[in-house]
Amino acid sequence: MDSVVGADLTLPVDINGSCRLPDSIDAGEFSMDSMTAPSFPDKMSPIKALTMKDYENQITALKKENFNLKLRIYFMEERMQQKCDDSTEDIFKTNIELKVELESMKRDLAEKHELLVSASKALESLAGRESGEPQRVKEHARREMEALREAFNKRIADLEQCLKTAEEEVDKMAAIAEQEKLKNINMEKQFQALGPLSAFTPDTSPAQDLQQALQEKDSVIEQLKITLKNQEAAIHQKKSADQEGDQPSAESFKHLSDLIAKKDQELEALRDELHGDKDRTTPFSQSPKDAPGMRPVLIIDAICGMVYYRWSGSGHNPAAVLEDFI
């Protein structure tokens, strides 16, 4: 009963829970060879060696088992030496079991504490690594934004350059259109100025003939313009019906060529007639190029020739070519 109430000097433990194991146990009894080979003969593998962690686990388990066995042996020997009745024997047995359980729980508590410390350190290291992950994500996103910004800036610069080039082309076309407009105005002024020049001719009959020839040529040009427009409309209708591309057919071009050739013949005959009238009315000292009556004829011939040349050589729209000169 004294061993239950107070400290028992014969037990290997004291009140504070420290062990008083025999001093005969030394480090030689717990060597690696003596621990692994006899206790685990079936678990050793010649192929795969155990790690230090496995050895430590085996040593811990063996120490716990050895400690429990020694306690049981000690308490059993103490009980057998005492001569007590059955009730006292049950009390001692209960005391022994409780002491063994207490020591086992203390060791389990120490192991759990070590595991808790290891887990806490692992969590701290993991938190340290995760704290750097958002920074890397931000850096990657920043680099992507910089790359996109550079690409957009380059695209904007290219578009601005294209816009500048287009504006320059528009300015050039506007200047060309203005020059053509001025040319047309000058040509109209020249046509208007040709009327009073006929008054200086010695005879009024050639002037009237020239005026009539101009009117006839104007009417011929108007008829040619109307014919070209009608022919273009017919070609457009045929193109819409047949779905054969954007250019007129060869038959339409041949018809227009024949029409232009016919009109050229008429203009050539009229020009010959005007040349004859000029020879009768112009003095011999005056050259044909300086004759006032020939200026409208030369201008109209030049216009008709340029219309025919542009239309037959480049394949442009005949009505559009004629509109540029009329």
Protein backbone atom coordinates (compact mmCIF):
# COMPACT_ATOMS: atom_id res chain seq x y z
CA MET A 1 0.00 0.00 0.00
CA ASP A 2 2.94 2.34 0.55
CA SER A 3 3.88 2.11 -3.09
CA VAL A 4 0.46 3.43 -4.07
CA VAL A 5 0.27 6.36 -1.70
CA GLY A 6 3.86 7.68 -1.62
CA ALA A 7 7.09 7.30 -3.48
CA ASP A 8 8.40 3.77 -3.69
CA LEU A 9 12.18 3.56 -3.86
CA THR A 10 12.01 0.07 -5.28
CA LEU A 11 10.18 1.20 -8.44
CA PRO A 12 12.08 2.42 -11.53
CA VAL A 13 10.08 5.68 -11.56
CA ASP A 14 9.68 8.48 -9.06
CA ILE A 15 6.96 11.07 -8.44
CA ASN A 16 8.23 13.41 -11.19
CA GLY A 17 7.97 10.64 -13.79
CA SER A 18 11.70 10.09 -14.30
CA CYS A 19 12.98 6.56 -14.87
CA ARG A 20 15.51 4.78 -12.72
CA LEU A 21 16.45 1.98 -15.04
CA PRO A 22 19.42 -0.25 -14.25
CA ASP A 23 22.78 1.12 -15.24
CA SER A 24 23.74 -2.16 -16.91
CA ILE A 25 22.04 -1.04 -20.15
CA ASP A 26 24.63 0.61 -22.38
CA ALA A 27 24.80 1.85 -25.96
CA GLY A 28 26.24 -1.42 -27.22
CA GLU A 29 22.94 -3.18 -26.60
CA PHE A 30 21.14 -0.77 -28.94
CA SER A 31 23.43 -0.91 -31.98
CA MET A 32 21.93 -0.94 -35.46
CA ASP A 33 22.84 -4.52 -36.18
CA SER A 34 21.50 -5.87 -32.88
CA MET A 35 18.25 -3.90 -33.21
CA THR A 36 17.28 -4.59 -36.81
CA ALA A 37 18.53 -8.11 -37.49
CA PRO A 38 17.02 -10.09 -34.57
CA SER A 39 13.77 -8.14 -34.23
CA PHE A 40 12.86 -7.80 -37.90
CA PRO A 41 14.33 -10.71 -39.78
CA ASP A 42 11.47 -10.87 -42.31
CA LYS A 43 11.31 -7.14 -43.03
CA MET A 44 14.92 -6.61 -44.09
CA SER A 45 15.44 -6.44 -47.82
CA PRO A 46 18.82 -6.90 -49.49
CA ILE A 47 17.67 -4.68 -52.36
CA LYS A 48 16.37 -1.57 -50.58
CA ALA A 49 18.17 -0.24 -47.49
CA LEU A 50 16.31 1.44 -44.67
CA THR A 51 16.60 5.17 -44.19
CA MET A 52 17.60 6.99 -41.02
CA LYS A 53 13.96 7.83 -40.40
CA ASP A 54 13.06 4.12 -40.45
CA TYR A 55 15.89 3.32 -38.05
CA GLU A 56 14.75 6.06 -35.68
CA ASN A 57 11.17 4.75 -35.74
CA GLN A 58 12.37 1.23 -35.01
CA ILE A 59 14.57 2.41 -32.14
CA THR A 60 11.68 4.41 -30.65
CA ALA A 61 9.29 1.45 -30.85
CA LEU A 62 11.82 -0.91 -29.33
CA LYS A 63 12.62 1.46 -26.50
CA LYS A 64 8.94 1.81 -25.68
CA GLU A 65 8.39 -1.94 -25.78
CA ASN A 66 11.51 -2.59 -23.70
CA PHE A 67 10.46 -0.02 -21.12
CA ASN A 68 6.97 -1.50 -20.79
CA LEU A 69 8.33 -5.01 -20.49
CA LYS A 70 10.82 -4.03 -17.81
CA LEU A 71 8.10 -2.31 -15.84
CA ARG A 72 5.86 -5.33 -16.05
CA ILE A 73 8.68 -7.66 -15.03
CA TYR A 74 9.62 -5.47 -12.13
CA PHE A 75 6.08 -5.11 -10.83
CA MET A 76 5.36 -8.80 -11.29
CA GLU A 77 8.46 -9.77 -9.35
CA GLU A 78 7.52 -7.35 -6.59
CA ARG A 79 4.03 -8.77 -6.40
CA MET A 80 5.26 -12.34 -6.25
CA GLN A 81 7.60 -11.52 -3.39
CA GLN A 82 4.80 -10.16 -1.29
CA LYS A 83 2.39 -12.46 0.38
CA CYS A 84 -0.97 -10.81 0.36
CA ASP A 85 -4.56 -11.80 0.06
CA ASP A 86 -6.58 -11.58 -3.13
CA SER A 87 -7.85 -8.01 -2.59
CA THR A 88 -4.38 -6.67 -2.05
CA GLU A 89 -3.23 -8.50 -5.16
CA ASP A 90 -5.96 -6.85 -7.24
CA ILE A 91 -5.02 -3.46 -5.90
CA PHE A 92 -1.39 -4.02 -6.81
CA LYS A 93 -2.39 -5.25 -10.24
CA THR A 94 -4.50 -2.17 -10.82
CA ASN A 95 -1.71 0.03 -9.57
CA ILE A 96 0.74 -1.63 -11.91
CA GLU A 97 -1.56 -1.23 -14.91
CA LEU A 98 -2.19 2.42 -14.09
CA LYS A 99 1.50 3.16 -13.71
CA VAL A 100 2.29 1.42 -16.99
CA GLU A 101 -0.49 3.33 -18.74
CA LEU A 102 0.72 6.60 -17.21
CA GLU A 103 4.26 6.10 -18.47
CA SER A 104 2.99 5.11 -21.91
CA MET A 105 0.80 8.22 -22.09
CA LYS A 106 3.72 10.41 -21.06
CA ARG A 107 5.84 9.03 -23.85
CA ASP A 108 2.99 9.39 -26.35
CA LEU A 109 2.52 12.99 -25.21
CA ALA A 110 6.21 13.74 -25.78
CA GLU A 111 6.08 12.22 -29.27
CA LYS A 112 2.93 14.17 -30.15
CA HIS A 113 4.59 17.35 -28.95
CA GLU A 114 7.56 16.72 -31.23
CA LEU A 115 5.24 16.07 -34.16
CA LEU A 116 3.35 19.27 -33.40
CA VAL A 117 6.58 21.29 -33.38
CA SER A 118 7.63 19.75 -36.71
CA ALA A 119 4.23 20.50 -38.25
CA SER A 120 4.40 24.09 -37.01
CA LYS A 121 7.82 24.56 -38.62
CA ALA A 122 6.57 23.02 -41.85
CA LEU A 123 3.57 25.39 -41.90
CA GLU A 124 5.83 28.38 -41.32
CA SER A 125 8.12 27.40 -44.20
CA LEU A 126 5.10 26.79 -46.46
CA ALA A 127 3.63 30.17 -45.55
CA GLY A 128 6.97 31.78 -46.39
CA ARG A 129 6.98 30.16 -49.83
CA GLU A 130 3.35 31.10 -50.51
CA SER A 131 4.02 34.72 -49.56
CA GLY A 132 6.44 34.99 -52.51
CA GLU A 133 4.00 33.45 -55.02
CA PRO A 134 1.71 36.54 -55.38
CA GLN A 135 4.78 38.67 -56.04
CA ARG A 136 5.83 36.38 -58.90
CA VAL A 137 2.31 36.46 -60.32
CA LYS A 138 2.27 40.26 -60.20
CA GLU A 139 5.66 40.43 -61.90
CA HIS A 140 4.51 38.09 -64.67
CA ALA A 141 1.34 40.11 -65.20
CA ARG A 142 3.36 43.32 -65.30
CA ARG A 143 5.66 41.91 -67.98
CA GLU A 144 2.68 40.81 -70.06
CA MET A 145 1.13 44.28 -69.76
CA GLU A 146 4.39 45.87 -70.89
CA ALA A 147 4.55 43.57 -73.92
CA LEU A 148 0.94 44.36 -74.86
CA ARG A 149 1.54 48.09 -74.42
CA GLU A 150 4.58 47.96 -76.72
CA ALA A 151 2.63 45.99 -79.34
CA PHE A 152 -0.28 48.45 -79.24
CA ASN A 153 2.06 51.44 -79.46
CA LYS A 154 3.76 49.93 -82.51
CA ARG A 155 0.40 49.26 -84.13
CA ILE A 156 -0.74 52.82 -83.43
CA ALA A 157 2.47 54.19 -84.94
CA ASP A 158 1.95 52.07 -88.07
CA LEU A 159 -1.64 53.26 -88.40
CA GLU A 160 -0.58 56.87 -87.96
CA GLN A 161 2.04 56.43 -90.69
CA CYS A 162 -0.55 54.88 -93.01
CA LEU A 163 -2.95 57.73 -92.25
CA LYS A 164 -0.25 60.29 -92.99
CA THR A 165 0.56 58.59 -96.30
CA ALA A 166 -3.13 58.48 -97.21
CA GLU A 167 -3.50 62.17 -96.39
CA GLU A 168 -0.52 62.97 -98.60
CA GLU A 169 -2.07 60.97 -101.44
CA VAL A 170 -5.37 62.79 -100.94
CA ASP A 171 -3.56 66.12 -101.06
CA LYS A 172 -1.79 65.10 -104.26
CA MET A 173 -5.04 63.98 -105.85
CA ALA A 174 -6.72 67.21 -104.76
CA ALA A 175 -3.88 69.22 -106.31
CA ILE A 176 -4.15 67.22 -109.53
CA ALA A 177 -7.92 67.72 -109.58
CA GLU A 178 -7.44 71.44 -109.02
CA GLN A 179 -4.95 71.58 -111.89
CA GLU A 180 -7.34 69.72 -114.17
CA LYS A 181 -10.10 72.07 -113.14
CA LEU A 182 -7.93 75.06 -114.00
CA LYS A 183 -7.06 73.46 -117.33
CA ASN A 184 -10.74 72.98 -118.09
CA ILE A 185 -11.47 76.59 -117.15
CA ASN A 186 -8.64 77.80 -119.37
CA MET A 187 -9.88 75.62 -122.20
CA GLU A 188 -13.38 77.04 -121.83
CA LYS A 189 -11.94 80.53 -121.88
CA GLN A 190 -10.03 79.65 -125.04
CA PHE A 191 -13.22 78.36 -126.65
CA GLN A 192 -15.00 81.55 -125.67
CA ALA A 193 -12.10 83.65 -126.96
CA LEU A 194 -12.19 81.93 -130.34
CA GLY A 195 -15.51 83.58 -131.22
CA PRO A 196 -14.24 87.20 -131.58
CA LEU A 197 -11.15 86.05 -133.49
CA SER A 198 -13.29 85.12 -136.47
CA ALA A 199 -14.18 88.80 -136.96
CA PHE A 200 -10.66 89.53 -138.21
CA THR A 201 -11.03 87.15 -141.15
CA PRO A 202 -11.50 88.92 -144.48
CA ASP A 203 -14.66 87.05 -145.34
CA THR A 204 -17.61 86.18 -143.01
CA SER A 205 -18.56 83.07 -144.89
CA PRO A 206 -15.62 80.92 -143.63
CA ALA A 207 -16.31 82.09 -140.07
CA GLN A 208 -19.90 80.96 -140.35
CA ASP A 209 -18.74 77.66 -141.78
CA LEU A 210 -16.32 77.22 -138.91
CA GLN A 211 -19.02 78.04 -136.39
CA GLN A 212 -21.31 75.56 -138.04
CA ALA A 213 -18.51 72.99 -138.07
CA LEU A 214 -17.98 73.55 -134.37
CA GLN A 215 -21.66 73.06 -133.72
CA GLU A 216 -21.68 69.91 -135.79
CA LYS A 217 -18.67 68.58 -133.90
CA ASP A 218 -20.33 69.43 -130.61
CA SER A 219 -23.41 67.55 -131.71
CA VAL A 220 -21.25 64.64 -132.85
CA ILE A 221 -19.48 64.60 -129.49
CA GLU A 222 -22.82 64.70 -127.66
CA GLN A 223 -24.11 61.84 -129.78
CA LEU A 224 -20.92 59.92 -129.11
CA LYS A 225 -21.28 60.58 -125.41
CA ILE A 226 -24.88 59.40 -125.41
CA THR A 227 -23.92 56.33 -127.44
CA LEU A 228 -21.13 55.50 -125.01
CA LYS A 229 -23.46 55.85 -122.04
CA ASN A 230 -26.07 53.63 -123.68
CA GLN A 231 -23.43 51.09 -124.58
CA GLU A 232 -22.10 51.16 -121.02
CA ALA A 233 -25.59 50.58 -119.64
CA ALA A 234 -26.08 47.66 -122.01
CA ILE A 235 -22.73 46.19 -121.01
CA HIS A 236 -23.63 46.59 -117.34
CA GLN A 237 -26.93 44.78 -117.86
CA LYS A 238 -25.23 41.99 -119.73
CA LYS A 239 -22.59 41.70 -117.04
CA SER A 240 -25.24 41.44 -114.32
CA ALA A 241 -27.08 38.76 -116.27
CA ASP A 242 -24.06 36.64 -117.21
CA GLN A 243 -21.85 37.25 -114.13
CA GLU A 244 -18.74 37.37 -116.30
CA GLY A 245 -16.46 39.84 -114.51
CA ASP A 246 -16.13 43.60 -114.45
CA GLN A 247 -14.81 44.35 -118.01
CA PRO A 248 -17.14 44.72 -121.04
CA SER A 249 -17.21 41.98 -123.67
CA ALA A 250 -15.02 41.92 -126.77
CA GLU A 251 -18.07 42.45 -129.01
CA SER A 252 -18.99 45.64 -127.15
CA PHE A 253 -15.44 46.97 -127.47
CA LYS A 254 -15.47 46.14 -131.20
CA HIS A 255 -18.75 47.96 -131.63
CA LEU A 256 -17.39 51.00 -129.82
CA SER A 257 -14.18 50.87 -131.85
CA ASP A 258 -16.16 50.82 -135.09
CA LEU A 259 -18.27 53.71 -133.86
CA ILE A 260 -15.19 55.74 -132.92
CA ALA A 261 -13.57 54.95 -136.28
CA LYS A 262 -16.68 56.10 -138.10
CA LYS A 263 -16.78 59.33 -136.16
CA ASP A 264 -13.07 59.81 -136.80
CA GLN A 265 -13.72 59.50 -140.53
CA GLU A 266 -16.47 62.08 -140.32
CA LEU A 267 -14.18 64.39 -138.34
CA GLU A 268 -11.38 63.84 -140.84
CA ALA A 269 -13.67 64.76 -143.74
CA LEU A 270 -14.89 67.82 -141.88
CA ARG A 271 -11.32 68.78 -141.08
CA ASP A 272 -10.35 68.47 -144.78
CA GLU A 273 -13.26 70.67 -145.66
CA LEU A 274 -12.21 73.24 -143.07
CA HIS A 275 -8.65 73.12 -144.39
CA GLY A 276 -9.97 73.95 -147.84
CA ASP A 277 -11.96 76.89 -146.48
CA LYS A 278 -8.91 78.08 -144.57
CA ASP A 279 -6.75 77.97 -147.69
CA ARG A 280 -9.26 80.17 -149.48
CA THR A 281 -9.65 82.70 -146.66
CA THR A 282 -6.16 82.85 -145.03
CA PRO A 283 -3.31 84.91 -146.59
CA PHE A 284 -0.32 83.02 -147.94
CA SER A 285 2.03 84.54 -145.34
CA GLN A 286 0.03 83.07 -142.47
CA SER A 287 0.93 79.52 -141.43
CA PRO A 288 -1.80 76.93 -140.86
CA LYS A 289 -0.96 76.67 -137.16
CA ASP A 290 -1.48 80.41 -136.65
CA ALA A 291 -4.83 80.54 -138.44
CA PRO A 292 -7.56 81.48 -135.95
CA GLY A 293 -10.14 79.31 -137.65
CA MET A 294 -8.05 76.17 -137.17
CA ARG A 295 -7.68 76.42 -133.41
CA PRO A 296 -11.08 74.88 -132.56
CA VAL A 297 -10.50 72.12 -135.08
CA LEU A 298 -7.08 71.26 -133.67
CA ILE A 299 -8.35 71.32 -130.10
CA ILE A 300 -11.34 69.10 -130.91
CA ASP A 301 -9.14 66.72 -132.91
CA ALA A 302 -6.70 66.50 -130.02
CA ILE A 303 -9.51 65.78 -127.56
CA CYS A 304 -11.02 63.08 -129.76
CA GLY A 305 -7.62 61.51 -130.33
CA MET A 306 -6.78 61.44 -126.64
CA VAL A 307 -10.22 59.98 -125.79
CA TYR A 308 -9.79 57.23 -128.33
CA TYR A 309 -6.19 56.54 -127.28
CA ARG A 310 -7.01 56.30 -123.57
CA TRP A 311 -10.08 54.19 -124.16
CA SER A 312 -8.50 51.70 -126.59
CA GLY A 313 -5.09 51.46 -124.84
CA SER A 314 -5.89 51.35 -121.13
CA GLY A 315 -9.31 49.67 -121.02
CA HIS A 316 -10.82 52.45 -118.87
CA ASN A 317 -14.50 53.29 -118.89
CA PRO A 318 -15.20 55.13 -122.22
CA ALA A 319 -17.82 57.41 -120.71
CA ALA A 320 -15.52 58.31 -117.84
CA VAL A 321 -12.65 59.04 -120.25
CA LEU A 322 -14.90 61.23 -122.35
CA GLU A 323 -16.17 63.06 -119.25
CA ASP A 324 -12.57 64.02 -118.39
CA PHE A 325 -12.17 65.97 -121.64
CA ILE A 326 -15.65 67.32 -122.40
